[in-house]
C-alpha cells in the first residue's frame, strides 16, 4: 500500500466519520423529547467539531472565501469524482440538514450542532455580500 492509497483511505475515513457523527447527532436531536436537548457524548461532539472545523476550512477555501476580509475569487467547483470534492458536498449537505433540524427543533438542538448551521449561514452571507459588491458600481 503506497502513500497515495493511504492518503485516500484516510480522507475517506475522515469524511465517513464526519457524515456518520452528524447523522447520529441530527437523529438524536429529532428523536429528543420536546424542549429537552439529547444527551450526546461530549467526546463524540468534540470529535465532530474537529472534523467539522477541518471540512469547514476546506469548504471556505473551495468557495473562494479569503482571510478576514471575506473577499471571494472566481469560484471553481471541485470535481465530484474526487474524495475531496465529495467531502465539500458532504459538508454542505450536512450543514444544510443541520439548518433544517435546528429550525424545526430550536429547543432540542445543542449549541455544538446549531453552530455548524450558523457557520454555513455565515459562508452564504459572505458569498452573497461579495456577489453584490461585484455587480454594484464603485
C-alpha atoms as a PDB file:
ATOM      1  CA  UNK A   1       0.000   0.000   0.000  1.00  0.00           C
ATOM      2  CA  UNK A   2       1.580   3.251  -1.180  1.00  0.00           C
ATOM      3  CA  UNK A   3       1.302   6.733   0.260  1.00  0.00           C
ATOM      4  CA  UNK A   4      -1.406   7.731  -2.259  1.00  0.00           C
ATOM      5  CA  UNK A   5      -3.606   4.807  -1.243  1.00  0.00           C
ATOM      6  CA  UNK A   6      -3.037   5.615   2.430  1.00  0.00           C
ATOM      7  CA  UNK A   7      -3.887   9.268   1.825  1.00  0.00           C
ATOM      8  CA  UNK A   8      -7.114   8.307   0.007  1.00  0.00           C
ATOM      9  CA  UNK A   9      -8.037   5.862   2.772  1.00  0.00           C
ATOM     10  CA  UNK A  10      -7.501   8.498   5.471  1.00  0.00           C
ATOM     11  CA  UNK A  11      -9.528  11.122   3.599  1.00  0.00           C
ATOM     12  CA  UNK A  12     -12.343   8.618   3.029  1.00  0.00           C
ATOM     13  CA  UNK A  13     -12.324   7.596   6.712  1.00  0.00           C
ATOM     14  CA  UNK A  14     -12.350  11.262   7.738  1.00  0.00           C
ATOM     15  CA  UNK A  15     -15.345  12.017   5.506  1.00  0.00           C
ATOM     16  CA  UNK A  16     -17.271   8.922   6.557  1.00  0.00           C
ATOM     17  CA  UNK A  17     -16.621   9.756  10.203  1.00  0.00           C
ATOM     18  CA  UNK A  18     -17.954  13.297   9.723  1.00  0.00           C
ATOM     19  CA  UNK A  19     -21.089  12.094   7.925  1.00  0.00           C
ATOM     20  CA  UNK A  20     -21.737   9.293  10.439  1.00  0.00           C
ATOM     21  CA  UNK A  21     -21.272  11.505  13.507  1.00  0.00           C
ATOM     22  CA  UNK A  22     -23.506  14.302  12.260  1.00  0.00           C
ATOM     23  CA  UNK A  23     -26.155  11.863  11.042  1.00  0.00           C
ATOM     24  CA  UNK A  24     -26.170  10.390  14.557  1.00  0.00           C
ATOM     25  CA  UNK A  25     -26.292  13.846  16.194  1.00  0.00           C
ATOM     26  CA  UNK A  26     -29.123  15.064  13.990  1.00  0.00           C
ATOM     27  CA  UNK A  27     -31.156  11.890  14.513  1.00  0.00           C
ATOM     28  CA  UNK A  28     -30.740  12.246  18.265  1.00  0.00           C
ATOM     29  CA  UNK A  29     -31.934  15.877  18.070  1.00  0.00           C
ATOM     30  CA  UNK A  30     -35.003  14.864  16.070  1.00  0.00           C
ATOM     31  CA  UNK A  31     -35.759  11.990  18.487  1.00  0.00           C
ATOM     32  CA  UNK A  32     -35.304  14.136  21.621  1.00  0.00           C
ATOM     33  CA  UNK A  33     -38.424  14.965  23.653  1.00  0.00           C
ATOM     34  CA  UNK A  34     -39.814  18.459  23.117  1.00  0.00           C
ATOM     35  CA  UNK A  35     -37.859  21.118  24.960  1.00  0.00           C
ATOM     36  CA  UNK A  36     -35.013  18.814  26.016  1.00  0.00           C
ATOM     37  CA  UNK A  37     -31.726  18.513  24.130  1.00  0.00           C
ATOM     38  CA  UNK A  38     -30.395  14.971  23.650  1.00  0.00           C
ATOM     39  CA  UNK A  39     -27.668  13.651  25.928  1.00  0.00           C
ATOM     40  CA  UNK A  40     -24.795  13.495  23.441  1.00  0.00           C
ATOM     41  CA  UNK A  41     -21.410  12.124  24.463  1.00  0.00           C
ATOM     42  CA  UNK A  42     -19.154  15.185  24.785  1.00  0.00           C
ATOM     43  CA  UNK A  43     -16.189  13.267  23.378  1.00  0.00           C
ATOM     44  CA  UNK A  44     -18.110  12.492  20.188  1.00  0.00           C
ATOM     45  CA  UNK A  45     -19.269  16.109  19.957  1.00  0.00           C
ATOM     46  CA  UNK A  46     -15.625  17.200  20.280  1.00  0.00           C
ATOM     47  CA  UNK A  47     -14.530  14.833  17.523  1.00  0.00           C
ATOM     48  CA  UNK A  48     -17.406  16.077  15.363  1.00  0.00           C
ATOM     49  CA  UNK A  49     -16.334  19.685  15.974  1.00  0.00           C
ATOM     50  CA  UNK A  50     -12.767  18.895  14.891  1.00  0.00           C
ATOM     51  CA  UNK A  51     -13.944  17.151  11.722  1.00  0.00           C
ATOM     52  CA  UNK A  52     -16.430  19.945  11.009  1.00  0.00           C
ATOM     53  CA  UNK A  53     -13.782  22.626  11.515  1.00  0.00           C
ATOM     54  CA  UNK A  54     -11.364  20.973   9.115  1.00  0.00           C
ATOM     55  CA  UNK A  55     -14.025  20.421   6.456  1.00  0.00           C
ATOM     56  CA  UNK A  56     -15.404  23.918   7.014  1.00  0.00           C
ATOM     57  CA  UNK A  57     -11.973  25.386   6.312  1.00  0.00           C
ATOM     58  CA  UNK A  58     -11.691  23.370   3.104  1.00  0.00           C
ATOM     59  CA  UNK A  59     -15.229  24.431   2.174  1.00  0.00           C
ATOM     60  CA  UNK A  60     -14.347  28.113   2.643  1.00  0.00           C
ATOM     61  CA  UNK A  61     -11.203  27.762   0.525  1.00  0.00           C
ATOM     62  CA  UNK A  62     -13.109  25.942  -2.233  1.00  0.00           C
ATOM     63  CA  UNK A  63     -15.732  28.698  -2.304  1.00  0.00           C
ATOM     64  CA  UNK A  64     -13.033  31.331  -2.500  1.00  0.00           C
ATOM     65  CA  UNK A  65     -13.522  32.870   0.933  1.00  0.00           C
ATOM     66  CA  UNK A  66     -10.211  34.551   1.814  1.00  0.00           C
ATOM     67  CA  UNK A  67      -8.594  35.799   5.003  1.00  0.00           C
ATOM     68  CA  UNK A  68     -10.516  38.093   7.344  1.00  0.00           C
ATOM     69  CA  UNK A  69     -11.651  40.379   4.516  1.00  0.00           C
ATOM     70  CA  UNK A  70     -14.091  37.683   3.301  1.00  0.00           C
ATOM     71  CA  UNK A  71     -13.368  38.516  -0.350  1.00  0.00           C
ATOM     72  CA  UNK A  72     -14.127  35.847  -2.933  1.00  0.00           C
ATOM     73  CA  UNK A  73     -12.213  34.940  -6.033  1.00  0.00           C
ATOM     74  CA  UNK A  74     -13.553  33.041  -9.011  1.00  0.00           C
ATOM     75  CA  UNK A  75     -15.471  30.054  -7.706  1.00  0.00           C
ATOM     76  CA  UNK A  76     -14.453  26.725  -9.169  1.00  0.00           C
ATOM     77  CA  UNK A  77     -16.448  23.709  -8.139  1.00  0.00           C
ATOM     78  CA  UNK A  78     -14.370  20.661  -7.302  1.00  0.00           C
ATOM     79  CA  UNK A  79     -14.865  17.513  -9.291  1.00  0.00           C
ATOM     80  CA  UNK A  80     -17.359  15.162  -7.702  1.00  0.00           C
ATOM     81  CA  UNK A  81     -15.151  12.302  -8.825  1.00  0.00           C
ATOM     82  CA  UNK A  82     -12.595  13.052  -6.135  1.00  0.00           C
ATOM     83  CA  UNK A  83     -12.839  12.336  -2.446  1.00  0.00           C
ATOM     84  CA  UNK A  84     -12.133  15.953  -1.667  1.00  0.00           C
ATOM     85  CA  UNK A  85     -14.967  17.100  -3.912  1.00  0.00           C
ATOM     86  CA  UNK A  86     -17.271  14.642  -2.181  1.00  0.00           C
ATOM     87  CA  UNK A  87     -16.090  15.995   1.151  1.00  0.00           C
ATOM     88  CA  UNK A  88     -17.106  19.522   0.214  1.00  0.00           C
ATOM     89  CA  UNK A  89     -20.521  18.347  -0.915  1.00  0.00           C
ATOM     90  CA  UNK A  90     -20.901  16.227   2.228  1.00  0.00           C
ATOM     91  CA  UNK A  91     -20.072  19.230   4.407  1.00  0.00           C
ATOM     92  CA  UNK A  92     -22.593  21.406   2.563  1.00  0.00           C
ATOM     93  CA  UNK A  93     -25.335  18.769   2.746  1.00  0.00           C
ATOM     94  CA  UNK A  94     -24.757  18.003   6.419  1.00  0.00           C
ATOM     95  CA  UNK A  95     -24.681  21.719   7.230  1.00  0.00           C
ATOM     96  CA  UNK A  96     -27.904  22.356   5.269  1.00  0.00           C
ATOM     97  CA  UNK A  97     -29.554  19.421   7.045  1.00  0.00           C
ATOM     98  CA  UNK A  98     -28.349  20.910  10.326  1.00  0.00           C
ATOM     99  CA  UNK A  99     -30.071  24.188   9.428  1.00  0.00           C
ATOM    100  CA  UNK A 100     -33.376  22.372   8.842  1.00  0.00           C
ATOM    101  CA  UNK A 101     -33.091  20.281  12.023  1.00  0.00           C
ATOM    102  CA  UNK A 102     -32.105  23.368  14.031  1.00  0.00           C
ATOM    103  CA  UNK A 103     -35.030  25.388  12.630  1.00  0.00           C
ATOM    104  CA  UNK A 104     -37.526  22.619  13.403  1.00  0.00           C
ATOM    105  CA  UNK A 105     -36.069  21.736  16.825  1.00  0.00           C
ATOM    106  CA  UNK A 106     -34.853  25.015  18.351  1.00  0.00           C
ATOM    107  CA  UNK A 107     -35.170  23.916  21.975  1.00  0.00           C
ATOM    108  CA  UNK A 108     -33.710  20.455  21.441  1.00  0.00           C
ATOM    109  CA  UNK A 109     -30.654  21.364  19.327  1.00  0.00           C
ATOM    110  CA  UNK A 110     -27.401  21.590  21.319  1.00  0.00           C
ATOM    111  CA  UNK A 111     -25.072  24.507  20.591  1.00  0.00           C
ATOM    112  CA  UNK A 112     -22.457  22.167  19.136  1.00  0.00           C
ATOM    113  CA  UNK A 113     -24.917  21.175  16.408  1.00  0.00           C
ATOM    114  CA  UNK A 114     -26.528  24.562  15.790  1.00  0.00           C
ATOM    115  CA  UNK A 115     -23.076  26.119  15.369  1.00  0.00           C
ATOM    116  CA  UNK A 116     -22.497  24.101  12.183  1.00  0.00           C
ATOM    117  CA  UNK A 117     -25.738  25.508  10.774  1.00  0.00           C
ATOM    118  CA  UNK A 118     -24.746  29.049  11.712  1.00  0.00           C
ATOM    119  CA  UNK A 119     -21.284  28.693  10.156  1.00  0.00           C
ATOM    120  CA  UNK A 120     -22.854  27.722   6.832  1.00  0.00           C
ATOM    121  CA  UNK A 121     -25.208  30.704   7.072  1.00  0.00           C
ATOM    122  CA  UNK A 122     -22.095  32.867   7.544  1.00  0.00           C
ATOM    123  CA  UNK A 123     -20.459  31.388   4.428  1.00  0.00           C
ATOM    124  CA  UNK A 124     -23.601  32.025   2.402  1.00  0.00           C
ATOM    125  CA  UNK A 125     -23.820  35.605   3.724  1.00  0.00           C
ATOM    126  CA  UNK A 126     -20.196  36.257   2.725  1.00  0.00           C
ATOM    127  CA  UNK A 127     -20.750  34.839  -0.753  1.00  0.00           C
ATOM    128  CA  UNK A 128     -23.952  36.846  -1.316  1.00  0.00           C
ATOM    129  CA  UNK A 129     -22.349  40.052   0.001  1.00  0.00           C
ATOM    130  CA  UNK A 130     -19.382  39.652  -2.322  1.00  0.00           C
ATOM    131  CA  UNK A 131     -21.665  38.850  -5.258  1.00  0.00           C
ATOM    132  CA  UNK A 132     -23.429  42.185  -4.699  1.00  0.00           C
ATOM    133  CA  UNK A 133     -20.114  44.010  -4.388  1.00  0.00           C
ATOM    134  CA  UNK A 134     -19.036  42.556  -7.716  1.00  0.00           C
ATOM    135  CA  UNK A 135     -22.058  43.926  -9.579  1.00  0.00           C
ATOM    136  CA  UNK A 136     -22.624  47.262  -7.830  1.00  0.00           C
ATOM    137  CA  UNK A 137     -20.979  50.374  -9.294  1.00  0.00           C
ATOM    138  CA  UNK A 138     -17.978  51.620  -7.370  1.00  0.00           C
END
